[in-house]
Amino acid sequence: MHYEDYRREYTAGGLSRDMLNACPIKQFEQWLEQSVRAELEDPTAMVLSTIDAEGMPWQRIVLLKGLSRAALSSTPITAVTRPRP
């Protein structure tokens, strides 16, 4: 098997600060709309990443349940890294 046969170049787009909405909530809504229009299977699924007190990263897959100026609310799906102590 030649893994390089599966590689794609991601040069069609790009992202720079001048392309971003000044309001992070509005920017998130734009990205969510793009995901819905692209007919992704789970457009509200995302990876939430944090670090613990030792600086170790921890990621989990969540589903968006709500969005407000105060916060995003989500439902955990599964942990995708080491189990939490």
N, C-alpha and C. Protein backbone atom coordinates (compact mmCIF):
# COMPACT_ATOMS: atom_id res chain seq x y z
N MET A 1 0.86 -1.17 0.00
CA MET A 1 0.00 0.00 0.00
C MET A 1 0.90 1.24 0.00
N HIS A 2 0.52 2.22 -0.79
CA HIS A 2 1.27 3.46 -0.86
C HIS A 2 0.42 4.58 -0.25
N TYR A 3 0.74 4.91 0.99
CA TYR A 3 -0.04 5.92 1.70
C TYR A 3 -0.03 7.27 1.02
N GLU A 4 1.06 7.57 0.34
CA GLU A 4 1.14 8.87 -0.34
C GLU A 4 0.07 9.00 -1.42
N ASP A 5 -0.47 7.89 -1.90
CA ASP A 5 -1.55 7.94 -2.90
C ASP A 5 -2.83 8.54 -2.33
N TYR A 6 -2.96 8.53 -1.00
CA TYR A 6 -4.17 9.03 -0.35
C TYR A 6 -4.04 10.49 0.07
N ARG A 7 -2.88 11.05 -0.06
CA ARG A 7 -2.66 12.43 0.37
C ARG A 7 -3.32 13.42 -0.57
N ARG A 8 -3.78 14.51 0.01
CA ARG A 8 -4.35 15.60 -0.78
C ARG A 8 -3.61 16.87 -0.42
N GLU A 9 -3.60 17.81 -1.33
CA GLU A 9 -3.04 19.12 -1.06
C GLU A 9 -4.18 20.02 -0.60
N TYR A 10 -3.97 20.74 0.46
CA TYR A 10 -4.99 21.62 1.02
C TYR A 10 -4.63 23.07 0.71
N THR A 11 -4.54 23.38 -0.54
CA THR A 11 -4.14 24.73 -0.95
C THR A 11 -5.30 25.54 -1.50
N ALA A 12 -6.49 24.97 -1.57
CA ALA A 12 -7.62 25.67 -2.17
C ALA A 12 -8.07 26.85 -1.32
N GLY A 13 -7.91 26.75 -0.03
CA GLY A 13 -8.39 27.81 0.84
C GLY A 13 -7.24 28.46 1.58
N GLY A 14 -7.49 28.77 2.78
CA GLY A 14 -6.53 29.43 3.63
C GLY A 14 -7.29 30.28 4.62
N LEU A 15 -6.60 30.75 5.62
CA LEU A 15 -7.24 31.56 6.64
C LEU A 15 -6.24 32.59 7.14
N SER A 16 -6.67 33.82 7.13
CA SER A 16 -5.85 34.89 7.68
C SER A 16 -6.73 35.76 8.57
N ARG A 17 -6.13 36.52 9.44
CA ARG A 17 -6.89 37.33 10.40
C ARG A 17 -7.89 38.27 9.72
N ASP A 18 -7.51 38.82 8.58
CA ASP A 18 -8.41 39.77 7.92
C ASP A 18 -9.66 39.09 7.36
N MET A 19 -9.67 37.76 7.31
CA MET A 19 -10.84 37.01 6.83
C MET A 19 -11.82 36.70 7.96
N LEU A 20 -11.39 36.90 9.20
CA LEU A 20 -12.19 36.51 10.35
C LEU A 20 -13.14 37.61 10.80
N ASN A 21 -14.30 37.21 11.29
CA ASN A 21 -15.24 38.14 11.88
C ASN A 21 -14.69 38.57 13.24
N ALA A 22 -14.84 39.82 13.60
CA ALA A 22 -14.34 40.31 14.88
C ALA A 22 -15.04 39.66 16.06
N CYS A 23 -16.26 39.20 15.85
CA CYS A 23 -17.02 38.53 16.91
C CYS A 23 -16.83 37.02 16.77
N PRO A 24 -16.22 36.37 17.77
CA PRO A 24 -15.98 34.92 17.65
C PRO A 24 -17.26 34.09 17.51
N ILE A 25 -18.35 34.54 18.13
CA ILE A 25 -19.62 33.81 18.02
C ILE A 25 -20.13 33.87 16.58
N LYS A 26 -20.09 35.06 15.97
CA LYS A 26 -20.52 35.18 14.58
C LYS A 26 -19.63 34.36 13.65
N GLN A 27 -18.33 34.35 13.94
CA GLN A 27 -17.42 33.55 13.12
C GLN A 27 -17.76 32.07 13.24
N PHE A 28 -18.00 31.62 14.46
CA PHE A 28 -18.38 30.23 14.67
C PHE A 28 -19.67 29.90 13.91
N GLU A 29 -20.65 30.80 13.97
CA GLU A 29 -21.91 30.57 13.26
C GLU A 29 -21.67 30.46 11.75
N GLN A 30 -20.77 31.27 11.21
CA GLN A 30 -20.45 31.18 9.78
C GLN A 30 -19.86 29.81 9.45
N TRP A 31 -18.92 29.36 10.28
CA TRP A 31 -18.32 28.04 10.03
C TRP A 31 -19.36 26.93 10.16
N LEU A 32 -20.26 27.06 11.13
CA LEU A 32 -21.31 26.05 11.30
C LEU A 32 -22.23 26.03 10.08
N GLU A 33 -22.59 27.20 9.58
CA GLU A 33 -23.42 27.27 8.37
C GLU A 33 -22.72 26.59 7.19
N GLN A 34 -21.43 26.82 7.05
CA GLN A 34 -20.67 26.18 5.97
C GLN A 34 -20.70 24.66 6.12
N SER A 35 -20.58 24.18 7.34
CA SER A 35 -20.63 22.73 7.59
C SER A 35 -21.99 22.15 7.22
N VAL A 36 -23.06 22.87 7.55
CA VAL A 36 -24.41 22.41 7.23
C VAL A 36 -24.61 22.40 5.71
N ARG A 37 -24.19 23.48 5.05
CA ARG A 37 -24.34 23.57 3.58
C ARG A 37 -23.51 22.49 2.88
N ALA A 38 -22.40 22.09 3.48
CA ALA A 38 -21.57 21.05 2.88
C ALA A 38 -22.17 19.65 3.09
N GLU A 39 -23.29 19.60 3.80
CA GLU A 39 -24.01 18.36 4.07
C GLU A 39 -23.13 17.33 4.78
N LEU A 40 -22.34 17.82 5.74
CA LEU A 40 -21.55 16.89 6.56
C LEU A 40 -22.50 16.05 7.40
N GLU A 41 -22.09 14.84 7.69
CA GLU A 41 -22.97 13.92 8.41
C GLU A 41 -23.31 14.44 9.81
N ASP A 42 -22.35 14.99 10.52
CA ASP A 42 -22.57 15.53 11.87
C ASP A 42 -21.96 16.93 11.96
N PRO A 43 -22.64 17.93 11.41
CA PRO A 43 -22.03 19.26 11.37
C PRO A 43 -21.84 19.90 12.75
N THR A 44 -22.51 19.38 13.77
CA THR A 44 -22.32 19.95 15.11
C THR A 44 -21.31 19.18 15.94
N ALA A 45 -20.66 18.18 15.36
CA ALA A 45 -19.63 17.43 16.08
C ALA A 45 -18.31 18.20 16.00
N MET A 46 -17.58 18.19 17.10
CA MET A 46 -16.30 18.89 17.13
C MET A 46 -15.40 18.27 18.20
N VAL A 47 -14.14 18.62 18.13
CA VAL A 47 -13.18 18.17 19.13
C VAL A 47 -12.91 19.33 20.08
N LEU A 48 -13.07 19.07 21.36
CA LEU A 48 -12.78 20.04 22.41
C LEU A 48 -11.47 19.62 23.05
N SER A 49 -10.49 20.51 23.07
CA SER A 49 -9.18 20.21 23.62
C SER A 49 -8.86 21.13 24.78
N THR A 50 -8.32 20.55 25.83
CA THR A 50 -7.87 21.30 27.00
C THR A 50 -6.55 20.70 27.45
N ILE A 51 -5.91 21.35 28.42
CA ILE A 51 -4.71 20.76 29.02
C ILE A 51 -4.94 20.64 30.52
N ASP A 52 -4.30 19.64 31.14
CA ASP A 52 -4.45 19.46 32.58
C ASP A 52 -3.37 20.25 33.32
N ALA A 53 -3.32 20.10 34.62
CA ALA A 53 -2.39 20.86 35.45
C ALA A 53 -0.93 20.58 35.10
N GLU A 54 -0.65 19.40 34.55
CA GLU A 54 0.71 19.05 34.15
C GLU A 54 1.03 19.46 32.71
N GLY A 55 0.06 20.10 32.05
CA GLY A 55 0.27 20.53 30.68
C GLY A 55 0.01 19.46 29.63
N MET A 56 -0.60 18.36 30.05
CA MET A 56 -0.90 17.28 29.11
C MET A 56 -2.23 17.57 28.40
N PRO A 57 -2.25 17.46 27.07
CA PRO A 57 -3.49 17.72 26.33
C PRO A 57 -4.50 16.59 26.51
N TRP A 58 -5.76 16.94 26.43
CA TRP A 58 -6.85 15.98 26.50
C TRP A 58 -7.92 16.43 25.52
N GLN A 59 -8.29 15.55 24.61
CA GLN A 59 -9.31 15.86 23.62
C GLN A 59 -10.50 14.93 23.79
N ARG A 60 -11.67 15.49 23.50
CA ARG A 60 -12.88 14.67 23.47
C ARG A 60 -13.78 15.20 22.37
N ILE A 61 -14.55 14.28 21.82
CA ILE A 61 -15.49 14.64 20.76
C ILE A 61 -16.81 15.00 21.43
N VAL A 62 -17.36 16.15 21.04
CA VAL A 62 -18.62 16.62 21.62
C VAL A 62 -19.57 17.01 20.50
N LEU A 63 -20.85 17.07 20.83
CA LEU A 63 -21.88 17.58 19.92
C LEU A 63 -22.39 18.90 20.46
N LEU A 64 -22.48 19.89 19.62
CA LEU A 64 -22.99 21.19 20.00
C LEU A 64 -24.47 21.08 20.37
N LYS A 65 -24.82 21.58 21.55
CA LYS A 65 -26.22 21.59 21.97
C LYS A 65 -26.79 22.98 21.98
N GLY A 66 -25.94 23.98 22.17
CA GLY A 66 -26.42 25.34 22.23
C GLY A 66 -25.29 26.32 22.04
N LEU A 67 -25.65 27.53 21.67
CA LEU A 67 -24.67 28.58 21.42
C LEU A 67 -25.26 29.90 21.89
N SER A 68 -24.52 30.60 22.73
CA SER A 68 -24.94 31.93 23.16
C SER A 68 -23.70 32.79 23.31
N ARG A 69 -23.89 34.04 23.57
CA ARG A 69 -22.75 34.93 23.76
C ARG A 69 -21.94 34.51 24.99
N ALA A 70 -22.55 33.84 25.93
CA ALA A 70 -21.87 33.45 27.17
C ALA A 70 -21.04 32.17 27.01
N ALA A 71 -21.54 31.22 26.22
CA ALA A 71 -20.84 29.94 26.17
C ALA A 71 -21.39 29.03 25.08
N LEU A 72 -20.60 28.02 24.77
CA LEU A 72 -21.06 26.90 23.96
C LEU A 72 -21.46 25.82 24.93
N SER A 73 -22.52 25.10 24.69
CA SER A 73 -22.83 23.94 25.51
C SER A 73 -22.74 22.72 24.61
N SER A 74 -22.28 21.62 25.20
CA SER A 74 -22.04 20.43 24.40
C SER A 74 -22.34 19.17 25.19
N THR A 75 -22.45 18.08 24.48
CA THR A 75 -22.63 16.76 25.05
C THR A 75 -21.41 15.93 24.70
N PRO A 76 -20.73 15.35 25.69
CA PRO A 76 -19.56 14.52 25.36
C PRO A 76 -19.98 13.26 24.62
N ILE A 77 -19.18 12.89 23.64
CA ILE A 77 -19.43 11.66 22.89
C ILE A 77 -18.48 10.57 23.38
N THR A 78 -17.18 10.87 23.34
CA THR A 78 -16.19 9.89 23.76
C THR A 78 -14.86 10.57 23.99
N ALA A 79 -14.05 10.02 24.84
CA ALA A 79 -12.68 10.52 25.00
C ALA A 79 -11.84 9.88 23.92
N VAL A 80 -10.99 10.66 23.29
CA VAL A 80 -10.18 10.12 22.19
C VAL A 80 -8.70 10.08 22.52
N THR A 81 -8.34 10.36 23.77
CA THR A 81 -6.95 10.25 24.19
C THR A 81 -6.91 9.42 25.46
N ARG A 82 -5.86 9.59 26.20
CA ARG A 82 -5.68 8.79 27.42
C ARG A 82 -6.84 9.00 28.39
N PRO A 83 -7.18 7.99 29.16
CA PRO A 83 -8.25 8.16 30.14
C PRO A 83 -7.84 9.16 31.21
N ARG A 84 -8.79 9.90 31.72
CA ARG A 84 -8.52 10.86 32.78
C ARG A 84 -8.28 10.10 34.07
N PRO A 85 -7.30 10.56 34.88
CA PRO A 85 -7.05 9.90 36.17
C PRO A 85 -8.20 10.10 37.14
